[in-house]
Amino acid sequence: MGKCRICGKQTFGDYQYCRQCNSAQKGGRQPERGDRRHYGSTSSYTGRSGNPSSGLNSDYLKDGYFNEKGYLRKEIYTSEAELVAAVLSTKGMTRASLRRFYNKLRGIYSRFKDTRNFEEIKSVLYSFYPNAADAVSKNNNIPVEFRTFINVNVNLAEKDPDHLHGFVEHFQSVIAYFKESGYRR
């Protein structure tokens, strides 16, 4: 018995995919609207922080954005960004939903660069908390793990302008690694 490379379920024999993921990849049953099962994900996550099907664990960004020398850590561009992208893709999030939040963050960051008033920007940054909660509760293609992603990152970004920059860079990397599930509505 092995584990499915897409969703993490047990497989029979030495197969790489479970029955559902295998049939979805070969053009089998297409998910219905609101179906959050893991069909056709093309994620190639191979990072250290966990299995995409298990969600974001407590180790996610526990070391923050910066290394001991004060520079942005390599992992926010690589393994941690890959993990988030794989989790969100596996859980059924769409690229459009992800980009909507990223565009809001870019707008906040641009406003900060123009005004250089971080205290003013913090109040706008806090609006991510209810926006993410609302999006998760109302939308079938935004998983609970996205709210965790937003909560952890906004909590870090509110510290100072450098952390805000770290959030922007990390979110951009998540989008770069993001692969949408293999179906369209």
N, C-alpha and C. Protein backbone atom coordinates (compact mmCIF):
# COMPACT_ATOMS: atom_id res chain seq x y z
N MET A 1 0.84 -1.18 0.00
CA MET A 1 0.00 0.00 0.00
C MET A 1 0.89 1.24 0.00
N GLY A 2 0.54 2.19 -0.86
CA GLY A 2 1.26 3.45 -0.91
C GLY A 2 0.32 4.62 -0.64
N LYS A 3 0.83 5.80 -0.88
CA LYS A 3 0.01 7.01 -0.71
C LYS A 3 -0.10 7.73 -2.04
N CYS A 4 -1.27 8.28 -2.31
CA CYS A 4 -1.52 9.03 -3.52
C CYS A 4 -0.64 10.27 -3.55
N ARG A 5 -0.02 10.56 -4.68
CA ARG A 5 0.87 11.71 -4.82
C ARG A 5 0.09 13.02 -4.85
N ILE A 6 -1.22 12.96 -5.07
CA ILE A 6 -2.02 14.18 -5.16
C ILE A 6 -2.74 14.47 -3.85
N CYS A 7 -3.51 13.51 -3.37
CA CYS A 7 -4.36 13.79 -2.20
C CYS A 7 -3.89 13.13 -0.92
N GLY A 8 -2.97 12.18 -0.99
CA GLY A 8 -2.44 11.55 0.22
C GLY A 8 -3.21 10.33 0.70
N LYS A 9 -4.31 9.96 0.01
CA LYS A 9 -5.06 8.77 0.40
C LYS A 9 -4.24 7.52 0.12
N GLN A 10 -4.64 6.39 0.75
CA GLN A 10 -3.93 5.14 0.50
C GLN A 10 -4.25 4.64 -0.89
N THR A 11 -3.24 4.04 -1.52
CA THR A 11 -3.42 3.44 -2.84
C THR A 11 -3.26 1.94 -2.72
N PHE A 12 -3.68 1.23 -3.75
CA PHE A 12 -3.51 -0.21 -3.79
C PHE A 12 -2.17 -0.55 -4.43
N GLY A 13 -1.48 -1.50 -3.86
CA GLY A 13 -0.21 -1.93 -4.43
C GLY A 13 0.80 -0.81 -4.50
N ASP A 14 1.52 -0.75 -5.61
CA ASP A 14 2.55 0.27 -5.79
C ASP A 14 2.08 1.43 -6.66
N TYR A 15 0.74 1.63 -6.75
CA TYR A 15 0.22 2.71 -7.57
C TYR A 15 0.59 4.06 -6.97
N GLN A 16 0.79 5.06 -7.86
CA GLN A 16 1.16 6.39 -7.41
C GLN A 16 -0.05 7.25 -7.09
N TYR A 17 -1.25 6.91 -7.60
CA TYR A 17 -2.45 7.72 -7.42
C TYR A 17 -3.61 6.86 -6.91
N CYS A 18 -4.50 7.45 -6.13
CA CYS A 18 -5.71 6.76 -5.70
C CYS A 18 -6.66 6.66 -6.89
N ARG A 19 -7.75 5.93 -6.75
CA ARG A 19 -8.69 5.73 -7.87
C ARG A 19 -9.29 7.04 -8.35
N GLN A 20 -9.71 7.91 -7.42
CA GLN A 20 -10.35 9.16 -7.82
C GLN A 20 -9.39 10.06 -8.58
N CYS A 21 -8.18 10.25 -8.07
CA CYS A 21 -7.21 11.13 -8.73
C CYS A 21 -6.77 10.56 -10.07
N ASN A 22 -6.61 9.24 -10.15
CA ASN A 22 -6.23 8.60 -11.39
C ASN A 22 -7.30 8.78 -12.47
N SER A 23 -8.57 8.56 -12.10
CA SER A 23 -9.64 8.71 -13.09
C SER A 23 -9.81 10.16 -13.51
N ALA A 24 -9.60 11.10 -12.59
CA ALA A 24 -9.71 12.52 -12.93
C ALA A 24 -8.61 12.92 -13.91
N GLN A 25 -7.42 12.37 -13.74
CA GLN A 25 -6.31 12.70 -14.63
C GLN A 25 -6.53 12.14 -16.03
N LYS A 26 -7.25 11.04 -16.12
CA LYS A 26 -7.47 10.41 -17.42
C LYS A 26 -8.80 10.83 -18.04
N GLY A 27 -9.39 11.91 -17.52
CA GLY A 27 -10.63 12.41 -18.11
C GLY A 27 -11.86 11.72 -17.59
N GLY A 28 -11.76 11.13 -16.41
CA GLY A 28 -12.92 10.48 -15.81
C GLY A 28 -13.90 11.50 -15.28
N ARG A 29 -14.60 11.16 -14.22
CA ARG A 29 -15.62 12.00 -13.63
C ARG A 29 -15.08 13.39 -13.30
N GLN A 30 -15.77 14.39 -13.77
CA GLN A 30 -15.39 15.77 -13.46
C GLN A 30 -16.10 16.19 -12.18
N PRO A 31 -15.44 16.93 -11.31
CA PRO A 31 -16.08 17.36 -10.07
C PRO A 31 -17.26 18.29 -10.36
N GLU A 32 -18.25 18.19 -9.49
CA GLU A 32 -19.39 19.08 -9.60
C GLU A 32 -19.07 20.39 -8.91
N ARG A 33 -19.89 21.40 -9.15
CA ARG A 33 -19.72 22.70 -8.50
C ARG A 33 -19.74 22.50 -6.99
N GLY A 34 -18.75 23.05 -6.33
CA GLY A 34 -18.67 22.93 -4.88
C GLY A 34 -17.99 21.67 -4.39
N ASP A 35 -17.63 20.77 -5.29
CA ASP A 35 -16.96 19.53 -4.91
C ASP A 35 -15.52 19.86 -4.57
N ARG A 36 -15.13 19.65 -3.31
CA ARG A 36 -13.79 20.05 -2.87
C ARG A 36 -12.81 18.89 -2.84
N ARG A 37 -13.19 17.78 -3.42
CA ARG A 37 -12.24 16.66 -3.46
C ARG A 37 -11.08 17.00 -4.35
N HIS A 38 -10.06 16.19 -4.30
CA HIS A 38 -8.78 16.52 -4.93
C HIS A 38 -8.65 15.90 -6.32
N TYR A 39 -9.37 16.42 -7.29
CA TYR A 39 -9.32 15.87 -8.63
C TYR A 39 -8.35 16.64 -9.50
N GLY A 40 -7.45 15.92 -10.13
CA GLY A 40 -6.64 16.48 -11.18
C GLY A 40 -5.62 17.52 -10.78
N SER A 41 -5.25 17.62 -9.54
CA SER A 41 -4.25 18.60 -9.16
C SER A 41 -2.93 18.25 -9.80
N THR A 42 -2.23 19.26 -10.27
CA THR A 42 -0.95 19.00 -10.92
C THR A 42 0.20 19.48 -10.06
N SER A 43 -0.03 19.56 -8.78
CA SER A 43 0.99 20.07 -7.87
C SER A 43 2.20 19.14 -7.84
N SER A 44 3.37 19.74 -7.82
CA SER A 44 4.59 18.94 -7.77
C SER A 44 5.37 19.26 -6.49
N TYR A 45 4.66 19.59 -5.42
CA TYR A 45 5.30 19.98 -4.18
C TYR A 45 6.21 18.88 -3.65
N THR A 46 7.42 19.27 -3.28
CA THR A 46 8.35 18.31 -2.70
C THR A 46 9.07 18.90 -1.50
N GLY A 47 8.50 19.89 -0.87
CA GLY A 47 9.14 20.59 0.24
C GLY A 47 9.18 19.78 1.52
N ARG A 48 9.76 20.36 2.56
CA ARG A 48 10.00 19.65 3.80
C ARG A 48 8.88 19.81 4.82
N SER A 49 8.02 20.80 4.65
CA SER A 49 7.12 21.20 5.73
C SER A 49 5.84 20.40 5.84
N GLY A 50 5.59 19.45 5.00
CA GLY A 50 4.40 18.66 5.17
C GLY A 50 3.78 18.21 3.87
N ASN A 51 2.69 17.50 4.02
CA ASN A 51 1.94 16.95 2.90
C ASN A 51 0.87 17.95 2.50
N PRO A 52 0.73 18.29 1.24
CA PRO A 52 -0.26 19.27 0.83
C PRO A 52 -1.68 18.91 1.23
N SER A 53 -2.01 17.62 1.26
CA SER A 53 -3.37 17.23 1.59
C SER A 53 -3.68 17.42 3.07
N SER A 54 -2.65 17.56 3.90
CA SER A 54 -2.89 17.71 5.34
C SER A 54 -3.04 19.17 5.75
N GLY A 55 -2.81 20.11 4.86
CA GLY A 55 -2.99 21.53 5.19
C GLY A 55 -1.71 22.17 5.71
N LEU A 56 -1.86 23.40 6.17
CA LEU A 56 -0.72 24.13 6.72
C LEU A 56 -0.55 23.75 8.17
N ASN A 57 0.63 23.28 8.52
CA ASN A 57 0.86 22.85 9.90
C ASN A 57 1.37 24.00 10.77
N SER A 58 1.60 23.74 12.04
CA SER A 58 2.01 24.78 12.97
C SER A 58 3.44 25.27 12.71
N ASP A 59 4.22 24.54 11.91
CA ASP A 59 5.57 24.97 11.58
C ASP A 59 5.60 26.04 10.50
N TYR A 60 4.48 26.28 9.85
CA TYR A 60 4.43 27.23 8.74
C TYR A 60 4.84 28.62 9.22
N LEU A 61 5.91 29.15 8.65
CA LEU A 61 6.49 30.47 8.95
C LEU A 61 6.83 30.66 10.42
N LYS A 62 7.13 29.58 11.13
CA LYS A 62 7.50 29.73 12.54
C LYS A 62 8.81 30.50 12.70
N ASP A 63 9.66 30.49 11.65
CA ASP A 63 10.91 31.23 11.69
C ASP A 63 10.77 32.64 11.12
N GLY A 64 9.54 33.02 10.75
CA GLY A 64 9.30 34.36 10.21
C GLY A 64 9.82 34.49 8.79
N TYR A 65 9.99 35.73 8.36
CA TYR A 65 10.45 36.01 7.01
C TYR A 65 11.97 36.15 6.90
N PHE A 66 12.63 36.42 8.02
CA PHE A 66 14.04 36.81 7.96
C PHE A 66 14.96 35.79 8.60
N ASN A 67 16.19 35.69 8.06
CA ASN A 67 17.20 34.83 8.66
C ASN A 67 17.92 35.59 9.77
N GLU A 68 18.91 34.95 10.36
CA GLU A 68 19.63 35.57 11.48
C GLU A 68 20.41 36.82 11.08
N LYS A 69 20.70 37.00 9.79
CA LYS A 69 21.42 38.18 9.31
C LYS A 69 20.47 39.32 8.93
N GLY A 70 19.15 39.07 9.02
CA GLY A 70 18.18 40.11 8.70
C GLY A 70 17.73 40.15 7.25
N TYR A 71 18.12 39.14 6.48
CA TYR A 71 17.70 39.06 5.08
C TYR A 71 16.51 38.11 4.96
N LEU A 72 15.74 38.28 3.89
CA LEU A 72 14.62 37.38 3.66
C LEU A 72 15.13 35.95 3.48
N ARG A 73 14.47 35.01 4.16
CA ARG A 73 14.89 33.61 4.10
C ARG A 73 14.59 33.00 2.74
N LYS A 74 15.42 32.08 2.32
CA LYS A 74 15.25 31.38 1.05
C LYS A 74 13.92 30.63 1.02
N GLU A 75 13.51 30.07 2.15
CA GLU A 75 12.32 29.23 2.21
C GLU A 75 11.02 29.97 1.88
N ILE A 76 10.98 31.29 2.13
CA ILE A 76 9.73 32.00 1.79
C ILE A 76 9.55 32.08 0.28
N TYR A 77 10.64 31.93 -0.45
CA TYR A 77 10.58 31.90 -1.92
C TYR A 77 10.45 30.48 -2.46
N THR A 78 10.85 29.48 -1.68
CA THR A 78 10.90 28.12 -2.19
C THR A 78 9.96 27.18 -1.45
N SER A 79 10.45 26.44 -0.49
CA SER A 79 9.68 25.34 0.11
C SER A 79 8.39 25.80 0.79
N GLU A 80 8.42 26.90 1.51
CA GLU A 80 7.20 27.34 2.19
C GLU A 80 6.18 27.88 1.19
N ALA A 81 6.65 28.56 0.15
CA ALA A 81 5.73 29.04 -0.88
C ALA A 81 5.15 27.86 -1.67
N GLU A 82 5.99 26.86 -1.96
CA GLU A 82 5.51 25.66 -2.66
C GLU A 82 4.46 24.93 -1.83
N LEU A 83 4.70 24.83 -0.52
CA LEU A 83 3.75 24.16 0.35
C LEU A 83 2.39 24.86 0.31
N VAL A 84 2.38 26.17 0.48
CA VAL A 84 1.11 26.91 0.47
C VAL A 84 0.41 26.74 -0.88
N ALA A 85 1.15 26.89 -1.96
CA ALA A 85 0.56 26.76 -3.29
C ALA A 85 -0.03 25.37 -3.49
N ALA A 86 0.68 24.35 -3.07
CA ALA A 86 0.19 22.98 -3.23
C ALA A 86 -1.05 22.72 -2.38
N VAL A 87 -1.03 23.22 -1.14
CA VAL A 87 -2.18 23.03 -0.26
C VAL A 87 -3.42 23.71 -0.84
N LEU A 88 -3.27 24.96 -1.23
CA LEU A 88 -4.42 25.71 -1.75
C LEU A 88 -4.93 25.11 -3.05
N SER A 89 -4.03 24.67 -3.91
CA SER A 89 -4.43 24.05 -5.16
C SER A 89 -5.15 22.73 -4.91
N THR A 90 -4.59 21.92 -4.02
CA THR A 90 -5.18 20.62 -3.69
C THR A 90 -6.56 20.78 -3.07
N LYS A 91 -6.73 21.83 -2.30
CA LYS A 91 -8.02 22.05 -1.63
C LYS A 91 -9.04 22.74 -2.53
N GLY A 92 -8.67 23.06 -3.76
CA GLY A 92 -9.63 23.55 -4.74
C GLY A 92 -9.68 25.05 -4.94
N MET A 93 -8.72 25.80 -4.46
CA MET A 93 -8.74 27.25 -4.64
C MET A 93 -8.44 27.59 -6.10
N THR A 94 -9.02 28.66 -6.59
CA THR A 94 -8.78 29.07 -7.97
C THR A 94 -7.72 30.17 -8.01
N ARG A 95 -7.06 30.29 -9.14
CA ARG A 95 -6.05 31.32 -9.34
C ARG A 95 -6.69 32.70 -9.22
N ALA A 96 -7.89 32.86 -9.73
CA ALA A 96 -8.57 34.17 -9.68
C ALA A 96 -8.81 34.61 -8.24
N SER A 97 -9.22 33.70 -7.39
CA SER A 97 -9.45 34.03 -5.98
C SER A 97 -8.14 34.41 -5.30
N LEU A 98 -7.09 33.67 -5.59
CA LEU A 98 -5.79 33.96 -4.99
C LEU A 98 -5.27 35.32 -5.45
N ARG A 99 -5.39 35.60 -6.74
CA ARG A 99 -4.92 36.87 -7.29
C ARG A 99 -5.71 38.06 -6.77
N ARG A 100 -6.99 37.87 -6.48
CA ARG A 100 -7.80 38.96 -5.94
C ARG A 100 -7.20 39.47 -4.62
N PHE A 101 -6.80 38.55 -3.76
CA PHE A 101 -6.20 38.94 -2.49
C PHE A 101 -4.79 39.50 -2.69
N TYR A 102 -4.06 38.90 -3.61
CA TYR A 102 -2.70 39.41 -3.88
C TYR A 102 -2.76 40.84 -4.43
N ASN A 103 -3.70 41.11 -5.32
CA ASN A 103 -3.83 42.46 -5.87
C ASN A 103 -4.17 43.47 -4.78
N LYS A 104 -4.98 43.05 -3.82
CA LYS A 104 -5.28 43.94 -2.69
C LYS A 104 -3.99 44.23 -1.91
N LEU A 105 -3.19 43.21 -1.67
CA LEU A 105 -1.93 43.40 -0.94
C LEU A 105 -0.99 44.32 -1.71
N ARG A 106 -0.88 44.13 -3.02
CA ARG A 106 -0.02 45.00 -3.83
C ARG A 106 -0.49 46.45 -3.76
N GLY A 107 -1.80 46.66 -3.74
CA GLY A 107 -2.34 48.01 -3.61
C GLY A 107 -1.96 48.64 -2.28
N ILE A 108 -2.03 47.86 -1.22
CA ILE A 108 -1.65 48.35 0.11
C ILE A 108 -0.17 48.69 0.13
N TYR A 109 0.64 47.81 -0.46
CA TYR A 109 2.09 48.03 -0.46
C TYR A 109 2.46 49.26 -1.31
N SER A 110 1.79 49.44 -2.43
CA SER A 110 2.04 50.63 -3.26
C SER A 110 1.66 51.90 -2.52
N ARG A 111 0.55 51.83 -1.80
CA ARG A 111 0.13 52.99 -1.00
C ARG A 111 1.16 53.31 0.07
N PHE A 112 1.72 52.27 0.70
CA PHE A 112 2.76 52.49 1.70
C PHE A 112 3.98 53.14 1.07
N LYS A 113 4.39 52.66 -0.10
CA LYS A 113 5.58 53.23 -0.76
C LYS A 113 5.36 54.70 -1.11
N ASP A 114 4.12 55.07 -1.42
CA ASP A 114 3.82 56.46 -1.73
C ASP A 114 3.79 57.34 -0.49
N THR A 115 3.14 56.88 0.57
CA THR A 115 2.95 57.71 1.76
C THR A 115 4.04 57.55 2.81
N ARG A 116 4.68 56.39 2.87
CA ARG A 116 5.68 56.07 3.89
C ARG A 116 5.11 56.19 5.31
N ASN A 117 3.79 56.03 5.45
CA ASN A 117 3.13 56.07 6.75
C ASN A 117 2.62 54.67 7.07
N PHE A 118 3.43 53.90 7.80
CA PHE A 118 3.09 52.51 8.07
C PHE A 118 1.88 52.38 8.99
N GLU A 119 1.73 53.28 9.94
CA GLU A 119 0.58 53.22 10.85
C GLU A 119 -0.74 53.35 10.09
N GLU A 120 -0.77 54.17 9.06
CA GLU A 120 -1.97 54.32 8.24
C GLU A 120 -2.26 53.03 7.47
N ILE A 121 -1.22 52.39 7.02
CA ILE A 121 -1.36 51.17 6.22
C ILE A 121 -1.81 49.99 7.08
N LYS A 122 -1.38 49.96 8.35
CA LYS A 122 -1.73 48.84 9.22
C LYS A 122 -3.24 48.65 9.32
N SER A 123 -3.99 49.73 9.42
CA SER A 123 -5.44 49.59 9.54
C SER A 123 -6.04 48.96 8.28
N VAL A 124 -5.48 49.27 7.13
CA VAL A 124 -5.96 48.66 5.88
C VAL A 124 -5.53 47.19 5.83
N LEU A 125 -4.36 46.91 6.34
CA LEU A 125 -3.85 45.54 6.38
C LEU A 125 -4.75 44.65 7.24
N TYR A 126 -5.27 45.20 8.33
CA TYR A 126 -6.15 44.43 9.21
C TYR A 126 -7.43 43.99 8.51
N SER A 127 -7.82 44.67 7.45
CA SER A 127 -9.05 44.30 6.75
C SER A 127 -8.93 42.93 6.07
N PHE A 128 -7.71 42.40 5.95
CA PHE A 128 -7.53 41.06 5.40
C PHE A 128 -8.20 40.00 6.28
N TYR A 129 -8.19 40.21 7.61
CA TYR A 129 -8.78 39.22 8.52
C TYR A 129 -10.26 38.96 8.19
N PRO A 130 -11.12 39.99 8.22
CA PRO A 130 -12.54 39.71 7.90
C PRO A 130 -12.78 39.35 6.43
N ASN A 131 -11.97 39.92 5.53
CA ASN A 131 -12.14 39.59 4.10
C ASN A 131 -11.88 38.11 3.84
N ALA A 132 -10.83 37.57 4.44
CA ALA A 132 -10.51 36.15 4.26
C ALA A 132 -11.58 35.27 4.92
N ALA A 133 -12.02 35.64 6.11
CA ALA A 133 -13.05 34.86 6.80
C ALA A 133 -14.34 34.85 5.98
N ASP A 134 -14.71 35.99 5.45
CA ASP A 134 -15.92 36.10 4.64
C ASP A 134 -15.81 35.27 3.36
N ALA A 135 -14.66 35.36 2.71
CA ALA A 135 -14.45 34.62 1.46
C ALA A 135 -14.52 33.11 1.70
N VAL A 136 -13.95 32.65 2.80
CA VAL A 136 -13.98 31.21 3.10
C VAL A 136 -15.41 30.76 3.38
N SER A 137 -16.16 31.56 4.10
CA SER A 137 -17.52 31.13 4.47
C SER A 137 -18.50 31.18 3.29
N LYS A 138 -18.26 32.07 2.33
CA LYS A 138 -19.20 32.24 1.23
C LYS A 138 -18.83 31.50 -0.05
N ASN A 139 -17.58 31.12 -0.20
CA ASN A 139 -17.11 30.65 -1.49
C ASN A 139 -16.58 29.22 -1.38
N ASN A 140 -17.10 28.33 -2.22
CA ASN A 140 -16.67 26.92 -2.19
C ASN A 140 -15.25 26.71 -2.69
N ASN A 141 -14.70 27.67 -3.44
CA ASN A 141 -13.35 27.44 -3.98
C ASN A 141 -12.26 28.16 -3.18
N ILE A 142 -12.58 28.62 -1.97
CA ILE A 142 -11.56 29.19 -1.09
C ILE A 142 -11.54 28.36 0.19
N PRO A 143 -10.49 27.57 0.39
CA PRO A 143 -10.44 26.66 1.53
C PRO A 143 -10.08 27.36 2.84
N VAL A 144 -10.34 26.68 3.93
CA VAL A 144 -10.04 27.19 5.27
C VAL A 144 -8.54 27.47 5.41
N GLU A 145 -7.71 26.69 4.73
CA GLU A 145 -6.26 26.89 4.81
C GLU A 145 -5.84 28.26 4.30
N PHE A 146 -6.62 28.83 3.40
CA PHE A 146 -6.30 30.18 2.92
C PHE A 146 -6.44 31.18 4.05
N ARG A 147 -7.44 31.01 4.89
CA ARG A 147 -7.60 31.91 6.04
C ARG A 147 -6.41 31.79 6.98
N THR A 148 -5.93 30.57 7.19
CA THR A 148 -4.73 30.36 8.01
C THR A 148 -3.54 31.09 7.39
N PHE A 149 -3.37 30.95 6.09
CA PHE A 149 -2.29 31.64 5.36
C PHE A 149 -2.37 33.16 5.59
N ILE A 150 -3.55 33.72 5.42
CA ILE A 150 -3.73 35.16 5.59
C ILE A 150 -3.47 35.57 7.04
N ASN A 151 -4.03 34.84 8.00
CA ASN A 151 -3.86 35.20 9.41
C ASN A 151 -2.40 35.19 9.85
N VAL A 152 -1.67 34.16 9.46
CA VAL A 152 -0.25 34.06 9.84
C VAL A 152 0.55 35.20 9.21
N ASN A 153 0.30 35.46 7.93
CA ASN A 153 1.09 36.47 7.23
C ASN A 153 0.74 37.90 7.64
N VAL A 154 -0.52 38.19 7.86
CA VAL A 154 -0.89 39.54 8.31
C VAL A 154 -0.34 39.78 9.71
N ASN A 155 -0.38 38.75 10.54
CA ASN A 155 0.18 38.86 11.89
C ASN A 155 1.67 39.23 11.83
N LEU A 156 2.40 38.67 10.89
CA LEU A 156 3.81 39.02 10.72
C LEU A 156 3.98 40.40 10.06
N ALA A 157 3.17 40.66 9.03
CA ALA A 157 3.32 41.89 8.24
C ALA A 157 3.03 43.15 9.03
N GLU A 158 2.21 43.05 10.06
CA GLU A 158 1.85 44.24 10.83
C GLU A 158 2.99 44.74 11.73
N LYS A 159 4.07 44.00 11.82
CA LYS A 159 5.17 44.39 12.70
C LYS A 159 5.89 45.65 12.23
N ASP A 160 6.26 45.70 10.96
CA ASP A 160 7.00 46.84 10.43
C ASP A 160 7.03 46.78 8.90
N PRO A 161 7.51 47.82 8.25
CA PRO A 161 7.54 47.84 6.78
C PRO A 161 8.33 46.69 6.15
N ASP A 162 9.40 46.26 6.80
CA ASP A 162 10.19 45.15 6.25
C ASP A 162 9.38 43.85 6.23
N HIS A 163 8.59 43.63 7.27
CA HIS A 163 7.75 42.44 7.30
C HIS A 163 6.64 42.53 6.26
N LEU A 164 6.12 43.72 6.03
CA LEU A 164 5.13 43.90 4.97
C LEU A 164 5.74 43.52 3.62
N HIS A 165 6.97 43.94 3.39
CA HIS A 165 7.67 43.58 2.16
C HIS A 165 7.85 42.05 2.08
N GLY A 166 8.16 41.42 3.21
CA GLY A 166 8.30 39.96 3.25
C GLY A 166 7.01 39.26 2.86
N PHE A 167 5.87 39.79 3.32
CA PHE A 167 4.57 39.22 2.96
C PHE A 167 4.33 39.34 1.46
N VAL A 168 4.63 40.50 0.89
CA VAL A 168 4.44 40.70 -0.55
C VAL A 168 5.29 39.70 -1.33
N GLU A 169 6.55 39.55 -0.96
CA GLU A 169 7.45 38.63 -1.66
C GLU A 169 6.99 37.18 -1.53
N HIS A 170 6.56 36.81 -0.32
CA HIS A 170 6.10 35.44 -0.09
C HIS A 170 4.83 35.15 -0.89
N PHE A 171 3.88 36.06 -0.86
CA PHE A 171 2.62 35.88 -1.59
C PHE A 171 2.89 35.77 -3.09
N GLN A 172 3.80 36.60 -3.59
CA GLN A 172 4.16 36.54 -5.01
C GLN A 172 4.72 35.17 -5.37
N SER A 173 5.54 34.60 -4.49
CA SER A 173 6.11 33.28 -4.73
C SER A 173 5.04 32.20 -4.71
N VAL A 174 4.06 32.34 -3.82
CA VAL A 174 2.96 31.37 -3.76
C VAL A 174 2.22 31.37 -5.10
N ILE A 175 1.94 32.53 -5.63
CA ILE A 175 1.25 32.63 -6.92
C ILE A 175 2.08 32.00 -8.03
N ALA A 176 3.38 32.19 -7.98
CA ALA A 176 4.25 31.62 -9.01
C ALA A 176 4.20 30.09 -9.01
N TYR A 177 4.11 29.48 -7.83
CA TYR A 177 4.07 28.02 -7.73
C TYR A 177 2.67 27.44 -7.88
N PHE A 178 1.66 28.27 -7.81
CA PHE A 178 0.28 27.80 -7.79
C PHE A 178 -0.12 27.16 -9.12
N LYS A 179 -0.70 25.99 -9.03
CA LYS A 179 -1.23 25.29 -10.20
C LYS A 179 -2.67 24.96 -9.87
N GLU A 180 -3.56 25.45 -10.70
CA GLU A 180 -4.97 25.22 -10.46
C GLU A 180 -5.32 23.76 -10.71
N SER A 181 -6.35 23.28 -10.03
CA SER A 181 -6.82 21.92 -10.27
C SER A 181 -7.15 21.76 -11.73
N GLY A 182 -7.18 20.53 -12.19
CA GLY A 182 -7.33 20.23 -13.61
C GLY A 182 -8.72 20.38 -14.18
N TYR A 183 -9.59 21.14 -13.54
CA TYR A 183 -10.93 21.30 -14.11
C TYR A 183 -11.36 22.76 -14.07
N ARG A 184 -12.35 23.07 -14.86
CA ARG A 184 -12.96 24.41 -14.92
C ARG A 184 -14.44 24.24 -14.68
N ARG A 185 -15.08 25.31 -14.22
CA ARG A 185 -16.53 25.29 -14.04
C ARG A 185 -17.21 25.44 -15.35
